[in-house]
N, C-alpha and C. Protein backbone atom coordinates (compact mmCIF):
# COMPACT_ATOMS: atom_id res chain seq x y z
N MET A 1 150.81 122.25 116.16
CA MET A 1 150.70 122.33 117.75
C MET A 1 151.66 123.13 118.28
N THR A 2 151.54 124.02 119.07
CA THR A 2 152.52 124.80 119.40
C THR A 2 152.73 124.35 121.00
N LEU A 3 153.92 124.24 121.44
CA LEU A 3 154.13 123.83 123.04
C LEU A 3 154.09 125.04 123.90
N PRO A 4 154.11 124.80 124.86
CA PRO A 4 154.22 125.76 125.96
C PRO A 4 155.37 127.12 125.46
N ARG A 5 155.10 128.07 126.33
CA ARG A 5 156.12 129.59 126.22
C ARG A 5 157.49 128.67 126.93
N LEU A 6 158.48 129.24 126.27
CA LEU A 6 159.42 129.08 127.46
C LEU A 6 160.49 129.77 127.41
N LEU A 7 161.25 130.30 128.65
CA LEU A 7 161.69 131.24 129.13
C LEU A 7 163.13 130.72 129.22
N ILE A 8 164.26 131.75 128.30
CA ILE A 8 165.67 131.15 128.09
C ILE A 8 166.36 132.22 129.17
N VAL A 9 166.92 132.13 130.42
CA VAL A 9 167.57 133.33 130.64
C VAL A 9 169.04 132.80 130.92
N ASP A 10 170.10 133.32 130.30
CA ASP A 10 171.54 133.15 130.06
C ASP A 10 172.13 134.62 129.79
N ASP A 11 173.15 134.79 130.39
CA ASP A 11 173.99 135.93 130.02
C ASP A 11 174.83 136.08 128.86
N ASP A 12 175.22 134.60 128.21
CA ASP A 12 175.42 134.59 127.04
C ASP A 12 174.81 134.77 126.16
N ALA A 13 174.42 135.89 125.35
CA ALA A 13 173.60 136.00 124.39
C ALA A 13 173.38 135.21 123.20
N THR A 14 175.22 134.73 122.70
CA THR A 14 174.42 133.88 121.54
C THR A 14 173.98 132.64 121.74
N PHE A 15 174.70 131.72 122.75
CA PHE A 15 173.84 130.98 123.57
C PHE A 15 172.53 130.96 123.76
N ALA A 16 171.96 131.83 124.36
CA ALA A 16 170.24 132.22 124.24
C ALA A 16 169.82 131.97 123.09
N SER A 17 170.45 132.80 122.24
CA SER A 17 170.00 132.67 120.80
C SER A 17 169.86 131.67 120.14
N VAL A 18 170.90 131.13 120.27
CA VAL A 18 171.06 129.60 119.29
C VAL A 18 170.03 128.50 119.98
N LEU A 19 169.94 128.80 121.43
CA LEU A 19 169.18 127.50 122.08
C LEU A 19 167.74 128.23 121.69
N ALA A 20 167.34 129.25 121.83
CA ALA A 20 165.97 129.67 121.34
C ALA A 20 165.61 129.34 120.13
N ARG A 21 166.20 129.60 118.93
CA ARG A 21 165.77 129.14 117.80
C ARG A 21 165.75 127.35 117.61
N ALA A 22 166.80 126.74 118.25
CA ALA A 22 166.83 125.20 117.98
C ALA A 22 165.05 124.70 119.10
N LEU A 23 165.03 125.63 119.70
CA LEU A 23 163.45 124.91 120.74
C LEU A 23 162.50 125.57 119.87
N ALA A 24 162.29 126.59 119.36
CA ALA A 24 161.37 127.31 118.28
C ALA A 24 161.16 125.94 117.31
N ARG A 25 162.21 125.48 116.56
CA ARG A 25 162.02 124.48 115.38
C ARG A 25 161.53 123.44 115.87
N ARG A 26 161.42 123.50 117.28
CA ARG A 26 160.55 121.89 117.69
C ARG A 26 159.08 122.20 118.47
N GLY A 27 158.79 123.95 117.97
CA GLY A 27 157.67 123.99 118.38
C GLY A 27 157.19 125.04 119.66
N TYR A 28 158.46 125.17 120.41
CA TYR A 28 158.06 126.03 121.58
C TYR A 28 158.33 127.28 121.44
N GLN A 29 157.63 128.11 121.64
CA GLN A 29 157.12 129.77 121.77
C GLN A 29 158.60 130.07 122.64
N THR A 30 159.74 130.67 122.06
CA THR A 30 161.03 131.10 123.21
C THR A 30 160.99 132.36 123.66
N ILE A 31 161.53 132.82 124.59
CA ILE A 31 161.50 134.20 124.77
C ILE A 31 162.77 134.23 126.01
N THR A 32 163.47 135.24 125.38
CA THR A 32 165.11 135.30 126.14
C THR A 32 165.25 136.31 126.86
N ALA A 33 166.01 136.18 128.08
CA ALA A 33 166.85 137.32 128.69
C ALA A 33 167.88 137.09 129.26
N HIS A 34 168.63 138.30 129.52
CA HIS A 34 170.05 138.32 129.96
C HIS A 34 170.48 138.44 131.28
N ASN A 35 169.61 138.65 132.24
CA ASN A 35 169.92 138.71 133.24
C ASN A 35 168.66 138.69 134.20
N ALA A 36 168.74 139.09 135.84
CA ALA A 36 167.33 138.49 136.20
C ALA A 36 166.20 139.35 136.19
N SER A 37 166.53 141.14 135.91
CA SER A 37 165.56 142.05 135.87
C SER A 37 164.75 141.61 134.08
N GLU A 38 165.32 141.12 133.90
CA GLU A 38 164.86 141.03 132.10
C GLU A 38 163.96 139.87 132.17
N ALA A 39 164.62 139.05 132.97
CA ALA A 39 163.92 137.31 133.32
C ALA A 39 162.21 137.70 133.65
N LEU A 40 162.43 138.61 134.89
CA LEU A 40 161.40 138.69 135.81
C LEU A 40 160.09 139.58 135.15
N ALA A 41 160.68 140.67 134.26
CA ALA A 41 159.99 141.29 133.47
C ALA A 41 159.14 140.36 132.27
N GLN A 42 160.05 139.47 131.35
CA GLN A 42 159.82 138.58 130.69
C GLN A 42 158.48 137.55 131.14
N CYS A 43 158.69 137.23 132.23
CA CYS A 43 157.93 136.09 133.12
C CYS A 43 156.74 136.70 133.62
N ARG A 44 156.85 137.75 133.83
CA ARG A 44 155.90 138.77 134.29
C ARG A 44 154.46 139.20 132.60
N GLU A 45 154.97 139.42 131.97
CA GLU A 45 154.33 139.64 130.62
C GLU A 45 153.88 138.52 129.64
N TYR A 46 154.52 137.76 129.93
CA TYR A 46 154.40 136.28 128.89
C TYR A 46 153.61 134.93 129.67
N LEU A 47 154.26 134.77 130.94
CA LEU A 47 153.79 133.71 132.19
C LEU A 47 154.23 132.25 131.28
N PRO A 48 155.43 132.08 130.88
CA PRO A 48 156.09 130.98 130.43
C PRO A 48 155.72 129.68 131.51
N ALA A 49 155.62 128.74 130.73
CA ALA A 49 155.02 127.54 131.54
C ALA A 49 156.71 126.63 131.80
N ARG A 50 157.48 127.26 131.09
CA ARG A 50 159.01 126.58 131.46
C ARG A 50 160.20 127.43 131.01
N ALA A 51 161.05 126.99 132.18
CA ALA A 51 162.22 128.07 131.85
C ALA A 51 163.63 127.61 131.92
N VAL A 52 164.41 127.90 131.41
CA VAL A 52 165.83 127.26 131.55
C VAL A 52 166.89 128.57 131.74
N VAL A 53 167.56 128.21 132.81
CA VAL A 53 167.94 129.38 133.72
C VAL A 53 169.33 129.02 133.77
N ASP A 54 170.32 129.71 133.36
CA ASP A 54 171.72 129.37 134.17
C ASP A 54 171.76 129.54 135.29
N LEU A 55 173.28 129.06 135.76
CA LEU A 55 173.03 129.10 136.85
C LEU A 55 173.65 130.60 137.40
N LYS A 56 174.83 130.68 136.78
CA LYS A 56 175.94 131.51 136.77
C LYS A 56 175.39 132.91 135.82
N LEU A 57 174.88 133.96 136.34
CA LEU A 57 174.45 134.82 135.34
C LEU A 57 175.78 135.88 135.84
N GLU A 58 175.87 136.68 134.68
CA GLU A 58 176.90 137.80 135.01
C GLU A 58 177.24 138.06 136.36
N THR A 59 176.38 138.87 137.11
CA THR A 59 176.77 139.15 138.51
C THR A 59 175.68 138.50 139.43
N GLU A 60 175.07 138.10 138.90
CA GLU A 60 173.48 137.37 139.82
C GLU A 60 173.85 135.79 139.58
N SER A 61 173.00 135.14 140.38
CA SER A 61 172.90 133.84 140.88
C SER A 61 171.18 133.23 140.14
N GLY A 62 171.24 132.36 139.28
CA GLY A 62 170.19 131.93 139.01
C GLY A 62 169.33 130.96 140.12
N LEU A 63 170.00 130.82 141.09
CA LEU A 63 169.26 130.36 142.41
C LEU A 63 168.45 131.16 142.63
N ASN A 64 169.33 132.17 142.98
CA ASN A 64 168.52 133.42 143.49
C ASN A 64 167.09 133.57 142.64
N LEU A 65 167.40 133.67 141.34
CA LEU A 65 166.26 133.88 140.55
C LEU A 65 165.15 133.11 140.91
N LEU A 66 165.62 131.62 140.82
CA LEU A 66 164.38 130.83 140.78
C LEU A 66 163.20 130.95 141.65
N PRO A 67 163.06 131.22 143.30
CA PRO A 67 162.05 131.62 143.92
C PRO A 67 161.22 132.38 143.42
N GLN A 68 161.91 133.56 142.56
CA GLN A 68 161.26 134.65 142.06
C GLN A 68 160.46 134.74 141.21
N LEU A 69 160.72 133.43 140.09
CA LEU A 69 159.98 133.02 138.79
C LEU A 69 158.77 132.29 139.55
N LYS A 70 159.12 131.54 140.19
CA LYS A 70 158.01 130.57 141.17
C LYS A 70 157.15 131.55 141.80
N GLY A 71 157.48 132.75 142.24
CA GLY A 71 156.54 134.07 142.85
C GLY A 71 155.62 134.02 141.73
N ILE A 72 156.06 134.67 140.68
CA ILE A 72 155.24 135.04 139.30
C ILE A 72 154.57 134.01 138.96
N ASN A 73 155.20 133.04 138.61
CA ASN A 73 154.19 131.42 138.01
C ASN A 73 154.41 130.41 139.17
N PRO A 74 153.85 129.79 139.82
CA PRO A 74 153.90 128.62 140.75
C PRO A 74 153.96 127.48 140.08
N ASP A 75 153.42 127.63 138.75
CA ASP A 75 153.51 125.86 138.23
C ASP A 75 154.39 126.17 137.32
N ILE A 76 155.37 127.19 137.29
CA ILE A 76 156.32 126.82 136.12
C ILE A 76 157.61 126.15 136.33
N LYS A 77 157.79 125.39 135.45
CA LYS A 77 158.79 124.30 135.39
C LYS A 77 160.08 124.67 135.17
N VAL A 78 161.11 124.69 136.07
CA VAL A 78 162.53 125.41 135.81
C VAL A 78 163.46 124.43 135.72
N LEU A 79 164.62 124.31 134.73
CA LEU A 79 165.77 123.77 134.63
C LEU A 79 166.89 124.76 134.68
N ILE A 80 167.70 124.07 135.86
CA ILE A 80 169.08 124.69 136.19
C ILE A 80 169.99 124.35 134.96
N LEU A 81 170.52 125.15 134.35
CA LEU A 81 171.72 124.77 133.21
C LEU A 81 172.82 125.35 133.59
N THR A 82 174.13 124.77 133.61
CA THR A 82 175.31 125.59 134.41
C THR A 82 176.55 124.58 133.91
N GLY A 83 177.77 125.45 134.11
CA GLY A 83 178.74 124.78 133.04
C GLY A 83 179.95 124.93 134.56
N TYR A 84 179.03 125.29 135.74
CA TYR A 84 179.63 125.29 137.12
C TYR A 84 178.81 124.32 137.56
N SER A 85 178.87 123.14 137.56
CA SER A 85 178.24 122.14 138.72
C SER A 85 178.73 121.96 139.73
N SER A 86 177.87 121.71 140.89
CA SER A 86 178.37 121.02 141.97
C SER A 86 177.12 119.96 142.68
N ILE A 87 177.59 119.48 143.45
CA ILE A 87 176.38 118.39 144.16
C ILE A 87 175.54 119.53 145.06
N SER A 88 175.95 120.51 145.62
CA SER A 88 175.59 121.46 146.81
C SER A 88 174.57 122.69 145.94
N THR A 89 175.04 122.56 144.93
CA THR A 89 174.43 123.63 143.99
C THR A 89 173.04 123.24 143.51
N ALA A 90 173.35 121.67 143.17
CA ALA A 90 172.21 120.95 142.26
C ALA A 90 171.35 120.65 143.36
N VAL A 91 171.20 120.28 144.65
CA VAL A 91 170.54 120.07 146.24
C VAL A 91 170.15 121.29 145.93
N GLU A 92 170.46 122.37 146.38
CA GLU A 92 169.98 123.65 146.59
C GLU A 92 168.91 123.91 145.54
N ALA A 93 169.03 123.83 144.08
CA ALA A 93 168.01 123.78 143.19
C ALA A 93 166.69 123.24 143.09
N ILE A 94 167.19 121.92 143.69
CA ILE A 94 166.00 120.71 143.58
C ILE A 94 165.09 121.30 144.80
N LYS A 95 165.63 121.89 145.93
CA LYS A 95 164.88 122.35 147.50
C LYS A 95 164.65 123.49 146.90
N MET A 96 164.86 124.50 145.92
CA MET A 96 164.01 125.87 145.91
C MET A 96 163.09 125.26 144.75
N GLY A 97 162.91 124.56 144.13
CA GLY A 97 161.87 123.96 143.39
C GLY A 97 162.34 124.17 141.80
N ALA A 98 163.27 123.45 141.52
CA ALA A 98 163.44 123.40 140.08
C ALA A 98 163.17 122.22 139.67
N ALA A 99 162.85 121.90 138.55
CA ALA A 99 162.24 120.59 138.15
C ALA A 99 163.78 119.81 137.86
N ASN A 100 164.59 120.38 137.44
CA ASN A 100 165.70 119.46 137.07
C ASN A 100 167.21 120.52 137.10
N TYR A 101 168.42 119.80 136.94
CA TYR A 101 169.59 120.64 136.98
C TYR A 101 170.46 119.77 136.08
N LEU A 102 171.04 120.57 135.16
CA LEU A 102 171.58 119.99 134.24
C LEU A 102 172.88 120.54 133.88
N CYS A 103 173.90 119.73 133.25
CA CYS A 103 175.02 120.15 133.21
C CYS A 103 175.67 120.93 131.94
N LYS A 104 176.22 121.68 131.30
CA LYS A 104 176.54 121.99 130.39
C LYS A 104 177.93 121.59 129.71
N PRO A 105 178.21 121.15 128.74
CA PRO A 105 177.43 121.51 127.61
C PRO A 105 176.01 120.12 127.64
N ALA A 106 175.21 120.81 126.96
CA ALA A 106 174.12 120.02 126.71
C ALA A 106 173.12 119.71 125.32
N SER A 107 173.20 119.16 124.82
CA SER A 107 172.35 119.11 123.75
C SER A 107 170.76 119.83 124.07
N VAL A 108 169.88 119.94 122.64
CA VAL A 108 168.78 120.20 122.89
C VAL A 108 167.84 119.12 123.42
N ASP A 109 168.53 118.00 122.93
CA ASP A 109 167.50 116.80 123.41
C ASP A 109 167.77 116.83 124.79
N ASP A 110 169.04 116.59 125.40
CA ASP A 110 169.29 116.92 126.95
C ASP A 110 168.50 117.55 127.71
N ILE A 111 168.12 118.64 127.14
CA ILE A 111 167.50 120.03 127.67
C ILE A 111 165.86 119.87 127.82
N LEU A 112 165.68 119.26 126.69
CA LEU A 112 164.39 118.85 126.47
C LEU A 112 163.67 117.69 127.29
N ALA A 113 164.80 116.78 127.45
CA ALA A 113 164.60 115.39 128.24
C ALA A 113 164.45 115.82 129.91
N ALA A 114 165.28 116.83 130.22
CA ALA A 114 165.40 117.19 131.56
C ALA A 114 164.16 118.08 132.19
N LEU A 115 163.71 118.58 131.12
CA LEU A 115 162.42 119.80 131.24
C LEU A 115 161.11 118.59 131.42
N GLU A 116 161.01 118.29 130.19
CA GLU A 116 159.89 117.62 130.06
C GLU A 116 159.64 116.33 130.84
N GLY A 117 160.90 115.23 130.68
CA GLY A 117 161.12 114.18 131.70
C GLY A 117 160.93 114.08 132.93
N SER A 118 159.83 113.71 133.61
CA SER A 118 159.79 113.91 135.00
C SER A 118 159.71 112.34 135.72
N ILE A 119 159.96 111.73 134.95
CA ILE A 119 160.41 110.16 135.57
C ILE A 119 161.52 109.96 136.30
N PRO A 120 161.65 109.72 137.73
CA PRO A 120 163.18 109.32 138.06
C PRO A 120 163.66 108.17 137.24
N ASN A 121 165.04 108.11 137.38
CA ASN A 121 165.75 106.49 136.78
C ASN A 121 166.23 106.20 137.85
N PRO A 122 166.22 105.38 138.72
CA PRO A 122 166.65 104.59 139.94
C PRO A 122 167.96 103.87 139.10
N GLU A 123 168.15 103.59 137.79
CA GLU A 123 169.08 102.92 137.18
C GLU A 123 170.23 103.73 136.76
N VAL A 124 170.64 105.24 137.46
CA VAL A 124 171.47 105.93 137.17
C VAL A 124 172.70 105.40 137.69
N PRO A 125 173.69 105.31 137.05
CA PRO A 125 175.11 104.53 137.58
C PRO A 125 175.56 104.97 138.62
N ILE A 126 176.20 104.62 139.47
CA ILE A 126 176.89 105.08 140.63
C ILE A 126 178.41 104.83 140.41
N ASN A 127 179.07 106.09 140.31
CA ASN A 127 180.76 105.99 140.54
C ASN A 127 181.30 105.39 141.24
N ASP A 128 182.38 104.23 141.16
CA ASP A 128 182.87 103.30 141.84
C ASP A 128 184.09 104.20 142.83
N THR A 129 184.42 105.38 142.27
CA THR A 129 185.38 106.04 142.79
C THR A 129 185.17 107.50 143.42
N PRO A 130 185.73 107.59 144.84
CA PRO A 130 185.01 108.51 145.18
C PRO A 130 185.63 110.05 144.42
N PRO A 131 184.88 111.06 144.97
CA PRO A 131 185.73 112.23 144.31
C PRO A 131 187.07 112.42 144.68
N SER A 132 187.69 113.23 143.68
CA SER A 132 189.25 114.11 143.92
C SER A 132 188.89 114.97 144.93
N VAL A 133 189.93 115.44 145.65
CA VAL A 133 190.63 116.60 146.76
C VAL A 133 189.71 117.80 145.92
N GLU A 134 190.41 118.00 144.50
CA GLU A 134 190.09 119.14 143.78
C GLU A 134 188.57 119.23 143.74
N ARG A 135 187.99 118.12 143.34
CA ARG A 135 186.64 118.25 143.10
C ARG A 135 185.80 118.54 144.69
N LEU A 136 185.91 117.91 145.59
CA LEU A 136 185.44 118.43 147.12
C LEU A 136 185.82 119.31 147.37
N GLU A 137 187.37 120.36 146.80
CA GLU A 137 187.04 121.52 147.35
C GLU A 137 186.01 122.46 146.18
N TRP A 138 186.29 122.11 145.30
CA TRP A 138 185.33 122.99 144.30
C TRP A 138 183.85 122.96 144.80
N GLU A 139 183.38 121.67 145.16
CA GLU A 139 182.12 121.92 145.95
C GLU A 139 181.76 122.68 147.29
N HIS A 140 182.69 122.30 147.75
CA HIS A 140 182.91 122.96 149.43
C HIS A 140 182.39 124.77 149.07
N ILE A 141 183.63 124.98 147.99
CA ILE A 141 183.47 126.80 147.59
C ILE A 141 182.44 127.02 147.21
N GLN A 142 181.77 125.96 146.21
CA GLN A 142 180.11 126.23 145.68
C GLN A 142 178.93 126.44 146.81
N ARG A 143 179.43 125.45 147.86
CA ARG A 143 178.59 125.46 149.12
C ARG A 143 178.66 126.61 149.77
N VAL A 144 179.57 127.05 150.05
CA VAL A 144 180.28 128.59 151.04
C VAL A 144 179.84 129.66 150.16
N LEU A 145 179.63 129.51 149.18
CA LEU A 145 179.28 130.80 147.80
C LEU A 145 178.04 130.47 147.91
N ALA A 146 176.96 129.46 147.44
CA ALA A 146 175.24 129.78 147.91
C ALA A 146 174.75 130.08 149.15
N GLU A 147 175.72 129.75 150.27
CA GLU A 147 175.37 130.13 151.73
C GLU A 147 175.52 131.81 151.88
N ASN A 148 176.65 132.18 150.98
CA ASN A 148 176.83 133.78 151.09
C ASN A 148 176.19 134.16 149.90
N ASN A 149 175.13 133.87 149.11
CA ASN A 149 173.94 134.54 148.25
C ASN A 149 174.94 135.01 147.07
N GLY A 150 176.06 134.06 146.81
CA GLY A 150 176.71 134.46 145.74
C GLY A 150 177.88 135.90 145.65
N ASN A 151 177.72 136.11 147.12
CA ASN A 151 178.81 136.98 147.62
C ASN A 151 180.39 136.64 148.00
N ILE A 152 181.00 137.09 146.29
CA ILE A 152 182.41 136.59 146.52
C ILE A 152 183.56 137.15 147.71
N SER A 153 183.16 138.53 148.11
CA SER A 153 184.22 139.00 149.13
C SER A 153 183.83 138.29 150.38
N ALA A 154 182.13 137.93 150.60
CA ALA A 154 182.01 137.24 152.03
C ALA A 154 182.13 135.48 151.82
N THR A 155 182.34 135.20 150.72
CA THR A 155 182.54 133.82 150.45
C THR A 155 184.13 133.69 151.27
N ALA A 156 185.13 134.16 150.12
CA ALA A 156 186.26 134.47 150.45
C ALA A 156 187.08 134.44 151.97
N ARG A 157 185.97 135.52 152.68
CA ARG A 157 185.93 135.80 154.25
C ARG A 157 185.86 134.38 154.98
N SER A 158 184.66 133.99 154.87
CA SER A 158 184.13 132.44 154.94
C SER A 158 185.45 131.56 154.90
N LEU A 159 185.95 131.19 153.58
CA LEU A 159 187.06 130.27 153.53
C LEU A 159 188.52 130.63 154.00
N GLY A 160 188.63 131.77 154.40
CA GLY A 160 190.13 132.35 154.74
C GLY A 160 190.74 132.41 153.57
N MET A 161 190.53 132.91 152.39
CA MET A 161 191.15 133.15 151.05
C MET A 161 191.28 134.23 150.44
N HIS A 162 192.01 134.98 149.99
CA HIS A 162 192.15 136.54 149.52
C HIS A 162 191.03 136.46 148.35
N ARG A 163 190.22 137.26 147.91
CA ARG A 163 189.11 137.41 147.41
C ARG A 163 189.75 136.70 145.49
N ARG A 164 190.67 137.26 145.24
CA ARG A 164 191.30 137.52 143.85
C ARG A 164 191.68 135.96 143.71
N THR A 165 192.10 135.09 144.83
CA THR A 165 192.24 133.77 144.80
C THR A 165 191.04 132.76 144.52
N LEU A 166 190.10 132.94 145.07
CA LEU A 166 188.59 132.83 145.14
C LEU A 166 188.64 132.98 143.66
N GLN A 167 188.45 134.24 143.06
CA GLN A 167 188.23 134.57 141.74
C GLN A 167 188.56 133.67 140.63
N ARG A 168 189.95 133.38 140.80
CA ARG A 168 190.55 132.63 140.13
C ARG A 168 190.14 131.23 139.85
N LYS A 169 189.60 130.24 141.38
CA LYS A 169 189.23 129.39 141.52
C LYS A 169 187.77 129.14 140.78
N LEU A 170 187.28 130.12 141.07
CA LEU A 170 185.71 129.97 140.31
C LEU A 170 185.67 130.32 138.34
N GLN A 171 187.04 130.93 138.13
CA GLN A 171 187.18 130.85 136.62
C GLN A 171 187.10 129.39 136.13
N LYS A 172 187.98 128.35 136.57
CA LYS A 172 188.22 127.27 135.99
C LYS A 172 186.81 126.20 135.99
N ARG A 173 186.98 125.67 135.35
CA ARG A 173 185.68 124.65 135.08
C ARG A 173 185.90 123.58 136.38
N PRO A 174 184.63 123.21 136.87
CA PRO A 174 184.71 122.39 137.70
C PRO A 174 185.55 121.07 137.47
N VAL A 175 186.56 120.45 138.79
CA VAL A 175 187.10 119.48 138.16
C VAL A 175 186.37 117.94 138.13
N LYS A 176 186.60 116.84 136.97
CA LYS A 176 185.81 115.84 137.04
C LYS A 176 186.01 115.33 138.29
N HIS A 177 184.77 114.19 138.47
CA HIS A 177 184.76 113.27 139.80
C HIS A 177 186.03 112.17 139.94
């Protein structure tokens, strides 16, 4: 039995290929795209039922792609997958119609559970310690970046910092809570 078509959108071609093969071994028909325009073309042609979309494509935002995919196929279940997670981008992704949001690194089992499992878990542990100042800074930057539709120059102006300083901060992995 073949499972639904699944679109993988990630600018890392190696990651997309490895994930596509792993999902194909589990019965999914996989299609890959490495930028927004490829993703939209693949979505129009193949009408996938599921999509795994990287939040940070090379020069684009997966959040901007989300409503466009939903416009082509309103029933598509989209998982936002990212190595640059923040509360603000998670909230925005869900508001925009993502089925789920998952932080990298994630196993194929994690990805499938996030995509296919739609039962909320009220037993999710609550952190006893508040986030660090560095984590709060990271989340604030992500929120302002989302407000500026991923425009780094506009975000730097909004934050009152030099564009290159902001780019350096964005290159770093997010700080743990």
